[in-house]
């Protein structure tokens, strides 16, 4: 009786596939730990969902072993649990953040808080400086307006004063020189000098000639000194 050849299909080699799956899971776990220490909680949750998808895809890509064969697992690796014909992947909880990483995060948050406080203080100081600059600019405008007003008032005063002196000068110019000289002999020098200074030279000369010699000399001397002072001659 001839012996039938063995037609059983050889079982696939599971060791390389298992090692590849373990390396992939180890890479995913390492990436998750690093990002968990650096990224905010919202991004961490998103990355955890991505890791879950990667783990599910890795288990789906691993072919099931032969019946009765023990499955190769690694401590900390996801465990496949069969329930009612469906395969569920249970991912172990991620290890907590280390004390050094927590201290680093707290230090970074504290530095950020200090920088925010400094920025707020600088913004407040800049706002105060801007307000002070606006107040100073407004005050300068007020002073310029006041200066222009004082200049206008002084010009108006001088014009009114000149009009008053012009009327008085005209009065004495129309008088006879002898009569004007008689009056000038008794007037104060603060009145005689401005009048004589504004009179025509011919009229002033005739009146000075008719005045008392000493009074005429005083008028001439003080009038010359006044004109020299006005022209800046010392």
Protein backbone atom coordinates (compact mmCIF):
# COMPACT_ATOMS: atom_id res chain seq x y z
CA UNK A 1 0.00 0.00 0.00
CA UNK A 2 1.51 3.30 -1.13
CA UNK A 3 2.06 6.08 1.45
CA UNK A 4 0.21 9.25 0.57
CA UNK A 5 2.30 12.38 0.37
CA UNK A 6 1.80 14.99 3.13
CA UNK A 7 -0.27 17.80 1.52
CA UNK A 8 -0.54 20.02 4.63
CA UNK A 9 0.31 23.67 4.04
CA UNK A 10 3.24 24.73 6.22
CA UNK A 11 2.31 27.24 8.95
CA UNK A 12 3.50 30.76 8.29
CA UNK A 13 6.54 32.02 10.17
CA UNK A 14 5.11 34.17 12.94
CA UNK A 15 8.29 35.23 14.67
CA UNK A 16 9.37 37.94 12.17
CA UNK A 17 5.83 39.37 12.01
CA UNK A 18 5.55 39.42 15.78
CA UNK A 19 8.92 41.15 16.17
CA UNK A 20 7.93 43.79 13.56
CA UNK A 21 4.63 44.43 15.35
CA UNK A 22 6.42 44.79 18.68
CA UNK A 23 8.92 47.27 17.22
CA UNK A 24 6.09 49.31 15.68
CA UNK A 25 4.24 49.38 19.01
CA UNK A 26 7.41 50.37 20.86
CA UNK A 27 7.99 53.26 18.43
CA UNK A 28 4.39 54.43 18.87
CA UNK A 29 4.64 54.27 22.66
CA UNK A 30 7.95 56.19 22.70
CA UNK A 31 6.56 58.93 20.46
CA UNK A 32 3.45 59.19 22.65
CA UNK A 33 5.52 59.62 25.83
CA UNK A 34 7.67 62.40 24.34
CA UNK A 35 4.73 64.29 22.93
CA UNK A 36 2.71 63.87 26.12
CA UNK A 37 5.37 65.88 27.97
CA UNK A 38 5.58 68.66 25.39
CA UNK A 39 2.14 69.09 23.84
CA UNK A 40 -1.05 70.46 25.44
CA UNK A 41 -3.77 68.10 26.60
CA UNK A 42 -5.94 68.66 23.50
CA UNK A 43 -3.12 67.70 21.14
CA UNK A 44 -2.19 64.79 23.45
CA UNK A 45 -5.71 63.37 23.20
CA UNK A 46 -5.55 63.68 19.41
CA UNK A 47 -2.22 61.87 19.34
CA UNK A 48 -3.60 59.14 21.61
CA UNK A 49 -6.40 58.57 19.10
CA UNK A 50 -3.79 58.30 16.33
CA UNK A 51 -1.79 55.82 18.39
CA UNK A 52 -4.93 53.76 18.97
CA UNK A 53 -5.50 53.66 15.21
CA UNK A 54 -1.91 52.61 14.58
CA UNK A 55 -2.13 49.85 17.18
CA UNK A 56 -5.39 48.58 15.69
CA UNK A 57 -3.88 48.59 12.20
CA UNK A 58 -0.79 46.73 13.44
CA UNK A 59 -2.87 43.99 15.07
CA UNK A 60 -5.04 43.73 12.01
CA UNK A 61 -1.93 43.26 9.86
CA UNK A 62 -0.61 40.44 12.12
CA UNK A 63 -1.98 37.08 10.92
CA UNK A 64 -3.50 34.85 13.57
CA UNK A 65 -1.35 31.95 14.69
CA UNK A 66 -2.31 28.31 14.33
CA UNK A 67 -4.85 26.81 16.65
CA UNK A 68 -3.44 26.00 20.00
CA UNK A 69 -0.26 27.97 19.40
CA UNK A 70 0.58 30.43 22.18
CA UNK A 71 0.58 34.04 21.15
CA UNK A 72 3.80 36.00 21.57
CA UNK A 73 3.19 38.96 23.82
CA UNK A 74 5.39 41.41 25.50
CA UNK A 75 4.85 43.07 28.86
CA UNK A 76 3.27 46.46 28.25
CA UNK A 77 2.17 45.56 24.70
CA UNK A 78 -1.51 45.76 23.69
CA UNK A 79 -3.44 42.55 24.40
CA UNK A 80 -6.00 41.18 21.93
CA UNK A 81 -9.20 39.98 23.58
CA UNK A 82 -11.76 37.97 21.58
CA UNK A 83 -15.38 38.60 22.52
CA UNK A 84 -18.32 37.21 20.55
CA UNK A 85 -16.35 36.86 17.34
CA UNK A 86 -14.92 40.42 17.44
CA UNK A 87 -11.33 41.24 18.31
CA UNK A 88 -10.90 44.15 20.70
CA UNK A 89 -7.54 45.75 21.30
CA UNK A 90 -6.88 46.93 24.85
CA UNK A 91 -4.15 49.54 25.07
CA UNK A 92 -2.47 49.83 28.48
CA UNK A 93 -2.60 53.22 30.19
CA UNK A 94 0.30 55.52 29.44
CA UNK A 95 2.82 55.96 32.24
CA UNK A 96 2.51 59.24 34.17
CA UNK A 97 4.74 62.22 33.42
CA UNK A 98 8.00 62.08 35.33
CA UNK A 99 8.89 64.55 38.07
CA UNK A 100 11.60 66.17 35.93
CA UNK A 101 9.21 66.67 33.03
CA UNK A 102 6.55 68.08 35.37
CA UNK A 103 9.09 70.48 36.90
CA UNK A 104 10.15 71.61 33.41
CA UNK A 105 6.54 72.28 32.39
CA UNK A 106 5.87 74.21 35.61
CA UNK A 107 9.02 76.28 35.07
CA UNK A 108 8.01 77.08 31.49
CA UNK A 109 4.53 78.11 32.60
CA UNK A 110 5.98 80.33 35.34
CA UNK A 111 8.34 82.01 32.88
CA UNK A 112 5.48 82.58 30.46
CA UNK A 113 3.43 84.14 33.26
CA UNK A 114 6.30 86.46 34.17
CA UNK A 115 6.77 87.48 30.51
CA UNK A 116 3.03 88.18 30.18
CA UNK A 117 3.13 90.36 33.31
CA UNK A 118 6.12 92.30 31.97
CA UNK A 119 4.42 92.78 28.63
CA UNK A 120 1.29 94.08 30.36
CA UNK A 121 3.38 96.48 32.49
CA UNK A 122 5.21 97.78 29.40
CA UNK A 123 1.91 98.28 27.59
CA UNK A 124 0.50 100.21 30.56
CA UNK A 125 3.64 102.36 30.78
CA UNK A 126 3.53 103.07 27.06
CA UNK A 127 -0.13 104.09 27.33
CA UNK A 128 0.74 106.43 30.23
CA UNK A 129 3.60 107.99 28.25
CA UNK A 130 1.33 108.50 25.24
CA UNK A 131 -1.28 110.20 27.43
CA UNK A 132 1.39 112.45 29.01
CA UNK A 133 2.75 113.32 25.58
CA UNK A 134 -0.72 114.29 24.39
CA UNK A 135 -1.23 116.47 27.48
CA UNK A 136 2.13 118.19 26.95
CA UNK A 137 1.35 118.77 23.28
CA UNK A 138 -2.00 120.31 24.24
CA UNK A 139 -0.30 122.52 26.82
CA UNK A 140 2.27 123.69 24.26
CA UNK A 141 -0.54 124.60 21.86
CA UNK A 142 -2.25 126.59 24.61
CA UNK A 143 0.99 128.45 25.39
CA UNK A 144 1.52 129.25 21.71
CA UNK A 145 -2.01 130.60 21.47
CA UNK A 146 -1.46 132.69 24.61
CA UNK A 147 1.82 134.01 23.23
CA UNK A 148 0.17 135.08 19.99
CA UNK A 149 -2.56 136.81 21.97
CA UNK A 150 0.00 138.68 24.13
CA UNK A 151 1.89 139.76 21.02
CA UNK A 152 -1.33 141.07 19.50
CA UNK A 153 -2.23 142.92 22.73
CA UNK A 154 1.24 144.47 22.95
CA UNK A 155 1.06 145.60 19.34
CA UNK A 156 -2.37 147.08 20.00
CA UNK A 157 -1.07 148.86 23.11
CA UNK A 158 1.89 150.31 21.21
CA UNK A 159 -0.38 151.45 18.41
CA UNK A 160 -2.72 153.15 20.87
CA UNK A 161 0.24 154.74 22.64
CA UNK A 162 1.68 156.01 19.38
CA UNK A 163 -1.70 157.45 18.46
CA UNK A 164 -1.82 159.30 21.78
CA UNK A 165 1.72 160.68 21.37
CA UNK A 166 0.99 161.61 17.77
CA UNK A 167 -1.96 163.77 18.85
CA UNK A 168 0.11 165.48 21.55
CA UNK A 169 3.01 166.10 19.14
CA UNK A 170 0.69 167.60 16.57
CA UNK A 171 -0.72 169.88 19.24
CA UNK A 172 2.69 171.33 20.13
CA UNK A 173 3.81 171.53 16.50
CA UNK A 174 0.86 173.80 15.68
CA UNK A 175 1.68 176.14 18.58
CA UNK A 176 4.08 179.04 18.29
CA UNK A 177 7.62 177.97 19.30
CA UNK A 178 7.82 180.51 22.13
CA UNK A 179 4.53 179.33 23.68
CA UNK A 180 5.55 175.67 23.38
CA UNK A 181 8.95 176.49 24.90
CA UNK A 182 7.29 178.14 27.90
CA UNK A 183 5.29 174.98 28.54
CA UNK A 184 8.28 172.66 28.01
CA UNK A 185 10.29 174.59 30.59
CA UNK A 186 7.90 173.40 33.32
CA UNK A 187 7.12 169.84 32.02
CA UNK A 188 8.68 166.68 33.40
CA UNK A 189 11.43 165.11 31.32
CA UNK A 190 9.39 161.88 30.95
CA UNK A 191 6.82 163.91 28.97
CA UNK A 192 9.10 166.36 27.13
CA UNK A 193 11.49 163.73 25.75
CA UNK A 194 8.89 161.53 23.97
CA UNK A 195 7.19 164.62 22.49
CA UNK A 196 10.41 166.21 21.23
CA UNK A 197 11.62 162.82 19.91
CA UNK A 198 8.49 162.49 17.74
CA UNK A 199 8.40 166.08 16.50
CA UNK A 200 9.77 167.24 13.17
CA UNK A 201 13.35 168.45 13.47
CA UNK A 202 12.57 171.99 12.35
CA UNK A 203 9.71 172.38 14.85
CA UNK A 204 11.78 170.82 17.67
CA UNK A 205 14.77 173.09 16.92
CA UNK A 206 12.63 176.26 17.05
CA UNK A 207 11.11 175.26 20.40
CA UNK A 208 14.51 174.31 21.92
CA UNK A 209 15.94 177.65 20.80
CA UNK A 210 13.16 179.49 22.68
CA UNK A 211 13.53 177.42 25.90
CA UNK A 212 15.73 178.08 28.90
CA UNK A 213 19.33 177.15 28.01
CA UNK A 214 19.79 174.71 30.90
CA UNK A 215 16.49 172.95 30.19
CA UNK A 216 17.28 172.76 26.49
CA UNK A 217 20.71 171.29 27.30
CA UNK A 218 19.19 168.57 29.51
CA UNK A 219 16.63 167.67 26.83
CA UNK A 220 19.33 167.43 24.17
CA UNK A 221 21.62 165.27 26.34
CA UNK A 222 18.94 162.82 27.46
CA UNK A 223 17.42 162.68 23.98
CA UNK A 224 20.78 161.70 22.49
CA UNK A 225 21.33 159.05 25.17
CA UNK A 226 17.85 157.64 24.59
CA UNK A 227 18.36 157.37 20.84
CA UNK A 228 21.78 155.81 21.32
CA UNK A 229 20.31 153.19 23.68
CA UNK A 230 17.51 152.37 21.23
CA UNK A 231 19.96 151.81 18.37
CA UNK A 232 22.20 149.60 20.54
CA UNK A 233 25.13 151.97 20.56
CA UNK A 234 25.93 151.22 24.26
